[in-house]
Amino acid sequence: MKNLITPDGNTKLLSLFGQHPEHSPSPATHTFWAQQSGLNIHYCALAVETPDAFTALAESLMRSPNFLGANITNPFKRDALGISGAACEASAASCGAANTLFRKPAGHSYVWTLANTDLDGCSESVEKILSKEKQNDNPPVVVILGAGAMMQTMQVALENTAAKLNVNLTVFVAARRRTPEFESVLKGTLSSKHLNVRFLNLTEPDWHRAAGSASAPEGHLLCINTLPAGTSAGAERVVLDCIRLFTSEFPQSKKSLFCVSYGDKPWHRAAKDLNWAVLNGNLLFEIQARASFKLWTGCVAPNLPTALPPT
C-alpha cells in the first residue's frame, strides 16, 4: 500500500463506458498501472443503458479538465463515433468503431480524439495464428462468429495481416442476419486483393458446411468468436455448437479458435478437449490496454501484470 496515491482535487479520471462493465479487468488494471507509475489517476467503470445516455455522459465529462478519457465497450463502440467534438483516428474510422477516447496534444492545447486500440490486439493475435500457416498450400478458411462492431475490427485486422503475410483468405461471417457492419465490410473488401468475404446465415440448418467445403479436408479452419459470450446464453450456445459441428463434420482439418473473450471460458475448454488450438482474448486485452494507457498518459505502461482473471 506504500505506493497508494490518495485521490484529491487534482486526481485525473479515466472511465469505462458499457452496459455491463462490472466484470471488466480494465479499472483495476489501469488504476494499478497509474499508481505504480506515480500518476494521480483513478479509473472507474460507468454503466450506461442507452446510446443517448452514453454520448451525453461522455460529452459532459469531456468538459472537465480532470477527465483524461475512457474506454468504450459493448454495445457502444459504434455509437462512440457520434460523440460531439471528438475527431477520429484512422484506426477508428477504418473499423467503424472506437474503444478509446483520449486528449490528443495540439500545440498548447488538445483535441478530443477517438481511436480503436482493439485493432492492435486483434492484428497481433491473428498474425500469431496465421504466421504458422503461411507456408501451407491451403491458407486457413476463416469463420467469424458475429456481425457486430468487433467483427468489423477483426476484418480490418485480417486484411492488414493477410497483406503483411501475402496470403489470400476466404472469410465467412456467420450471423443470424446481415447487419450494417457486415454490409460495410462487404463493400470495403470488394476490391480487396487478400480477402474474399461471404455471409453465412446461422438460421440455416447446414450453414457450417459452406465454410467446410471451402477448405480441403486436410486444411485449416480458423474460427474467430466475436460474440459477447458471457453476457448471452444464446451466444455461448452458438460458439459451443460451432465447435462441435466443425469437429464432427471435418475431423481431418486442423482447427483453431481465436476468441475475444479473455480468461478461461467453457467454450475455450470445450475446444481444447476436442484438440483445437485455442487463443483466448488475453493477448488482445493486454495490447489494447497498453496502447490506451500510452494515449491517455503519454507514458509506457509499466512492465506489470494486468488484472485479467487467472486461466
Protein backbone atom coordinates (compact mmCIF):
# COMPACT_ATOMS: atom_id res chain seq x y z
CA MET A 1 0.00 0.00 0.00
CA LYS A 2 3.01 2.33 0.29
CA ASN A 3 2.65 3.41 -3.34
CA LEU A 4 -1.03 4.35 -2.94
CA ILE A 5 -1.81 7.90 -4.05
CA THR A 6 -4.81 9.30 -2.22
CA PRO A 7 -7.41 10.83 -4.59
CA ASP A 8 -7.71 14.60 -4.26
CA GLY A 9 -8.83 17.63 -6.24
CA ASN A 10 -6.02 17.05 -8.75
CA THR A 11 -6.86 13.41 -9.43
CA LYS A 12 -7.44 12.69 -13.11
CA LEU A 13 -10.30 10.40 -14.09
CA LEU A 14 -10.41 7.60 -16.65
CA SER A 15 -13.54 5.58 -17.21
CA LEU A 16 -15.07 2.60 -18.94
CA PHE A 17 -18.46 3.06 -20.62
CA GLY A 18 -20.64 0.00 -21.23
CA GLN A 19 -23.93 -1.66 -20.40
CA HIS A 20 -22.27 -4.37 -18.29
CA PRO A 21 -18.78 -3.14 -17.31
CA GLU A 22 -18.79 -4.80 -13.90
CA HIS A 23 -16.69 -7.80 -14.98
CA SER A 24 -14.03 -5.85 -16.86
CA PRO A 25 -10.43 -6.03 -15.63
CA SER A 26 -9.77 -2.54 -17.06
CA PRO A 27 -10.48 -0.44 -13.93
CA ALA A 28 -8.17 -2.48 -11.70
CA THR A 29 -5.51 -2.76 -14.41
CA HIS A 30 -5.25 0.92 -15.28
CA THR A 31 -5.58 2.21 -11.72
CA PHE A 32 -2.78 -0.18 -10.68
CA TRP A 33 -0.54 0.82 -13.59
CA ALA A 34 -1.14 4.51 -12.89
CA GLN A 35 -0.41 4.20 -9.18
CA GLN A 36 2.77 2.22 -9.84
CA SER A 37 3.83 4.89 -12.36
CA GLY A 38 3.37 7.63 -9.78
CA LEU A 39 0.39 9.12 -11.62
CA ASN A 40 -2.54 10.63 -9.74
CA ILE A 41 -5.15 8.82 -11.86
CA HIS A 42 -8.22 6.78 -10.98
CA TYR A 43 -10.11 4.61 -13.47
CA CYS A 44 -13.71 3.59 -12.82
CA ALA A 45 -16.46 1.73 -14.67
CA LEU A 46 -19.59 3.71 -15.53
CA ALA A 47 -22.63 1.68 -16.56
CA VAL A 48 -25.00 3.28 -19.07
CA GLU A 49 -28.07 1.74 -20.67
CA THR A 50 -28.65 3.56 -23.96
CA PRO A 51 -26.59 5.14 -26.76
CA ASP A 52 -28.03 8.57 -25.95
CA ALA A 53 -27.12 8.22 -22.27
CA PHE A 54 -23.63 7.10 -23.24
CA THR A 55 -22.88 10.02 -25.59
CA ALA A 56 -24.43 12.53 -23.16
CA LEU A 57 -22.26 11.26 -20.29
CA ALA A 58 -19.10 11.23 -22.40
CA GLU A 59 -19.69 14.74 -23.73
CA SER A 60 -20.41 16.01 -20.21
CA LEU A 61 -17.22 14.52 -18.76
CA MET A 62 -15.18 15.94 -21.65
CA ARG A 63 -15.92 19.41 -20.25
CA SER A 64 -13.92 18.69 -17.08
CA PRO A 65 -10.15 19.27 -17.06
CA ASN A 66 -9.90 16.34 -14.63
CA PHE A 67 -11.19 13.90 -17.24
CA LEU A 68 -8.41 12.24 -19.29
CA GLY A 69 -10.51 9.87 -21.40
CA ALA A 70 -12.17 6.49 -21.50
CA ASN A 71 -12.52 3.03 -22.90
CA ILE A 72 -15.77 2.11 -24.62
CA THR A 73 -17.12 -1.43 -24.56
CA ASN A 74 -20.28 -3.21 -25.74
CA PRO A 75 -22.59 -2.08 -27.12
CA PHE A 76 -21.38 1.48 -27.70
CA LYS A 77 -18.25 1.15 -29.83
CA ARG A 78 -20.05 2.26 -33.00
CA ASP A 79 -22.02 4.93 -31.14
CA ALA A 80 -18.72 6.41 -29.96
CA LEU A 81 -18.14 7.81 -33.44
CA GLY A 82 -21.11 10.11 -32.78
CA ILE A 83 -19.55 11.84 -29.76
CA SER A 84 -19.73 15.55 -30.49
CA GLY A 85 -16.41 17.35 -30.65
CA ALA A 86 -14.26 14.22 -30.99
CA ALA A 87 -12.05 13.62 -34.02
CA CYS A 88 -11.43 10.12 -35.40
CA GLU A 89 -8.05 8.49 -35.90
CA ALA A 90 -7.62 6.17 -38.88
CA SER A 91 -7.94 3.09 -36.67
CA ALA A 92 -11.46 4.08 -35.56
CA ALA A 93 -12.55 5.29 -39.00
CA SER A 94 -11.44 2.12 -40.78
CA CYS A 95 -13.13 -0.15 -38.21
CA GLY A 96 -16.31 1.92 -37.95
CA ALA A 97 -15.93 1.74 -34.16
CA ALA A 98 -13.84 3.16 -31.33
CA ASN A 99 -12.87 1.79 -27.95
CA THR A 100 -10.65 4.64 -26.71
CA LEU A 101 -11.36 8.34 -26.15
CA PHE A 102 -8.32 10.48 -25.36
CA ARG A 103 -6.92 14.01 -25.41
CA LYS A 104 -4.52 14.35 -28.33
CA PRO A 105 -1.94 17.15 -27.84
CA ALA A 106 -2.35 20.04 -30.27
CA GLY A 107 0.08 22.88 -29.64
CA HIS A 108 -0.60 24.26 -26.15
CA SER A 109 -3.98 22.54 -26.01
CA TYR A 110 -5.51 19.24 -27.08
CA VAL A 111 -8.19 17.73 -29.33
CA TRP A 112 -10.55 15.05 -28.10
CA THR A 113 -9.87 12.03 -30.30
CA LEU A 114 -11.25 8.53 -30.83
CA ALA A 115 -9.06 5.51 -31.57
CA ASN A 116 -9.53 1.77 -31.88
CA THR A 117 -6.78 0.06 -29.91
CA ASP A 118 -8.67 -3.25 -30.25
CA LEU A 119 -7.27 -3.27 -33.78
CA ASP A 120 -3.72 -3.54 -32.41
CA GLY A 121 -4.67 -6.52 -30.27
CA CYS A 122 -6.69 -8.26 -32.99
CA SER A 123 -3.92 -7.81 -35.55
CA GLU A 124 -1.20 -9.25 -33.35
CA SER A 125 -3.40 -12.16 -32.26
CA VAL A 126 -4.42 -13.01 -35.84
CA GLU A 127 -0.81 -12.76 -37.04
CA LYS A 128 0.27 -15.13 -34.28
CA ILE A 129 -2.08 -17.75 -35.75
CA LEU A 130 -1.72 -17.06 -39.47
CA SER A 131 2.07 -16.83 -39.48
CA LYS A 132 2.19 -20.51 -38.55
CA GLU A 133 0.18 -21.35 -41.68
CA LYS A 134 2.00 -19.08 -44.12
CA GLN A 135 3.86 -21.94 -45.77
CA ASN A 136 0.74 -24.06 -46.09
CA ASP A 137 -0.51 -24.55 -49.65
CA ASN A 138 -4.05 -24.16 -48.32
CA PRO A 139 -4.31 -20.95 -46.25
CA PRO A 140 -6.86 -21.09 -43.44
CA VAL A 141 -10.55 -20.64 -44.13
CA VAL A 142 -11.78 -18.14 -41.54
CA VAL A 143 -15.22 -18.18 -39.92
CA ILE A 144 -16.09 -15.10 -37.86
CA LEU A 145 -18.96 -15.65 -35.43
CA GLY A 146 -20.93 -12.44 -35.03
CA ALA A 147 -21.55 -9.46 -37.27
CA GLY A 148 -21.14 -6.51 -34.93
CA ALA A 149 -18.51 -3.86 -34.28
CA MET A 150 -15.80 -6.34 -33.23
CA MET A 151 -16.36 -8.32 -36.45
CA GLN A 152 -15.62 -5.18 -38.44
CA THR A 153 -12.44 -4.58 -36.44
CA MET A 154 -11.44 -8.21 -36.98
CA GLN A 155 -11.95 -7.85 -40.73
CA VAL A 156 -9.54 -4.89 -40.82
CA ALA A 157 -7.05 -6.90 -38.76
CA LEU A 158 -7.36 -9.85 -41.18
CA GLU A 159 -6.94 -7.56 -44.18
CA ASN A 160 -3.79 -5.96 -42.75
CA THR A 161 -2.29 -9.26 -41.63
CA ALA A 162 -3.07 -11.09 -44.87
CA ALA A 163 -1.37 -8.28 -46.81
CA LYS A 164 1.64 -8.40 -44.48
CA LEU A 165 1.98 -12.17 -44.85
CA ASN A 166 0.96 -12.12 -48.54
CA VAL A 167 -1.77 -14.74 -48.18
CA ASN A 168 -5.31 -14.84 -49.55
CA LEU A 169 -8.13 -15.73 -47.18
CA THR A 170 -11.71 -16.82 -47.60
CA VAL A 171 -13.66 -15.26 -44.74
CA PHE A 172 -17.19 -16.25 -43.73
CA VAL A 173 -19.17 -14.03 -41.39
CA ALA A 174 -21.70 -16.21 -39.54
CA ALA A 175 -24.68 -14.42 -38.00
CA ARG A 176 -28.47 -14.51 -37.85
CA ARG A 177 -28.84 -11.51 -40.13
CA ARG A 178 -26.87 -9.27 -42.45
CA THR A 179 -26.03 -6.26 -40.29
CA PRO A 180 -24.97 -2.75 -41.37
CA GLU A 181 -21.50 -3.67 -40.11
CA PHE A 182 -21.39 -6.67 -42.46
CA GLU A 183 -22.62 -4.64 -45.42
CA SER A 184 -19.87 -2.08 -44.69
CA VAL A 185 -17.27 -4.85 -44.58
CA LEU A 186 -18.56 -6.39 -47.79
CA LYS A 187 -18.43 -3.05 -49.59
CA GLY A 188 -14.95 -2.30 -48.26
CA THR A 189 -13.49 -5.63 -49.36
CA LEU A 190 -14.96 -5.81 -52.86
CA SER A 191 -11.63 -4.65 -54.25
CA SER A 192 -9.51 -6.48 -51.68
CA LYS A 193 -6.57 -8.46 -53.02
CA HIS A 194 -6.40 -10.68 -49.95
CA LEU A 195 -9.92 -11.27 -48.58
CA ASN A 196 -12.95 -12.95 -50.10
CA VAL A 197 -15.81 -12.26 -47.68
CA ARG A 198 -19.10 -14.17 -47.65
CA PHE A 199 -22.12 -14.37 -45.37
CA LEU A 200 -23.38 -17.46 -43.55
CA ASN A 201 -26.89 -17.35 -42.11
CA LEU A 202 -26.96 -19.10 -38.73
CA THR A 203 -30.66 -19.79 -39.11
CA GLU A 204 -29.91 -22.18 -42.00
CA PRO A 205 -29.51 -25.77 -40.71
CA ASP A 206 -26.40 -26.53 -42.80
CA TRP A 207 -24.70 -23.15 -42.54
CA HIS A 208 -21.41 -24.65 -41.34
CA ARG A 209 -20.93 -26.88 -44.39
CA ALA A 210 -20.33 -23.93 -46.70
CA ALA A 211 -17.26 -22.99 -44.68
CA GLY A 212 -16.00 -26.56 -44.58
CA SER A 213 -16.44 -27.06 -48.32
CA ALA A 214 -14.16 -24.09 -48.98
CA SER A 215 -11.25 -25.93 -47.38
CA ALA A 216 -9.57 -29.19 -48.31
CA PRO A 217 -10.15 -31.92 -45.67
CA GLU A 218 -6.56 -31.56 -44.54
CA GLY A 219 -6.77 -27.75 -44.49
CA HIS A 220 -7.04 -25.32 -41.61
CA LEU A 221 -10.28 -23.87 -40.26
CA LEU A 222 -9.85 -20.79 -38.10
CA CYS A 223 -12.93 -19.86 -36.09
CA ILE A 224 -12.92 -16.33 -34.63
CA ASN A 225 -15.54 -15.69 -31.97
CA THR A 226 -16.57 -12.03 -31.64
CA LEU A 227 -19.91 -12.73 -29.95
CA PRO A 228 -20.42 -11.22 -26.49
CA ALA A 229 -20.31 -14.67 -24.94
CA GLY A 230 -20.59 -14.46 -21.18
CA THR A 231 -23.42 -11.93 -21.26
CA SER A 232 -25.66 -14.00 -23.53
CA ALA A 233 -26.58 -17.67 -23.09
CA GLY A 234 -27.60 -17.75 -26.75
CA ALA A 235 -24.18 -16.56 -27.85
CA GLU A 236 -22.49 -19.21 -25.71
CA ARG A 237 -24.61 -21.93 -27.34
CA VAL A 238 -23.68 -20.70 -30.81
CA VAL A 239 -19.97 -20.94 -30.03
CA LEU A 240 -20.24 -24.39 -28.45
CA ASP A 241 -22.43 -25.65 -31.31
CA CYS A 242 -19.94 -24.34 -33.85
CA ILE A 243 -17.06 -26.12 -32.16
CA ARG A 244 -18.97 -29.42 -32.07
CA LEU A 245 -20.22 -29.10 -35.66
CA PHE A 246 -16.82 -28.39 -37.17
CA THR A 247 -15.24 -31.16 -35.12
CA SER A 248 -17.74 -33.78 -36.29
CA GLU A 249 -18.09 -32.64 -39.91
CA PHE A 250 -14.40 -32.05 -40.66
CA PRO A 251 -12.40 -34.43 -38.47
CA GLN A 252 -9.28 -34.28 -40.69
CA SER A 253 -9.00 -30.47 -40.70
CA LYS A 254 -6.72 -28.62 -38.36
CA LYS A 255 -8.93 -26.34 -36.28
CA SER A 256 -8.13 -23.20 -34.32
CA LEU A 257 -10.29 -20.97 -32.14
CA PHE A 258 -9.46 -17.32 -31.51
CA CYS A 259 -11.89 -15.80 -29.05
CA VAL A 260 -12.03 -12.16 -27.99
CA SER A 261 -13.24 -13.29 -24.54
CA TYR A 262 -10.42 -13.29 -22.03
CA GLY A 263 -9.85 -15.69 -19.15
CA ASP A 264 -10.92 -19.32 -19.04
CA LYS A 265 -14.35 -19.85 -20.62
CA PRO A 266 -16.37 -23.07 -21.15
CA TRP A 267 -16.04 -22.79 -24.94
CA HIS A 268 -12.25 -22.46 -24.64
CA ARG A 269 -12.13 -25.66 -22.60
CA ALA A 270 -14.55 -27.45 -24.95
CA ALA A 271 -12.37 -26.62 -27.95
CA LYS A 272 -9.20 -27.75 -26.20
CA ASP A 273 -10.85 -31.03 -25.20
CA LEU A 274 -11.57 -31.63 -28.90
CA ASN A 275 -7.93 -30.94 -29.87
CA TRP A 276 -8.44 -27.43 -31.21
CA ALA A 277 -5.66 -24.91 -30.87
CA VAL A 278 -7.08 -22.10 -28.71
CA LEU A 279 -6.03 -18.47 -28.32
CA ASN A 280 -8.21 -16.50 -25.92
CA GLY A 281 -8.52 -12.72 -25.67
CA ASN A 282 -5.83 -12.19 -23.03
CA LEU A 283 -3.24 -11.03 -25.57
CA LEU A 284 -5.79 -8.76 -27.24
CA PHE A 285 -6.74 -7.23 -23.89
CA GLU A 286 -3.17 -6.53 -22.81
CA ILE A 287 -2.16 -4.99 -26.15
CA GLN A 288 -5.19 -2.70 -26.33
CA ALA A 289 -4.83 -1.75 -22.67
CA ARG A 290 -1.18 -0.77 -23.05
CA ALA A 291 -1.93 1.19 -26.23
CA SER A 292 -4.77 3.07 -24.49
CA PHE A 293 -2.60 3.82 -21.43
CA LYS A 294 0.03 5.41 -23.68
CA LEU A 295 -2.60 7.55 -25.45
CA TRP A 296 -4.03 8.84 -22.15
CA THR A 297 -0.83 9.45 -20.23
CA GLY A 298 1.98 9.74 -22.78
CA CYS A 299 3.77 7.09 -20.72
CA VAL A 300 4.57 3.46 -21.49
CA ALA A 301 2.60 1.20 -19.16
CA PRO A 302 4.83 -0.40 -16.52
CA ASN A 303 6.04 -3.94 -17.04
CA LEU A 304 3.48 -5.28 -14.59
CA PRO A 305 0.61 -7.77 -14.94
CA THR A 306 -2.94 -6.85 -15.85
CA ALA A 307 -5.92 -7.72 -13.66
CA LEU A 308 -7.02 -10.48 -16.01
CA PRO A 309 -8.57 -13.46 -14.22
CA PRO A 310 -6.26 -16.47 -13.95
CA THR A 311 -6.53 -19.22 -16.58
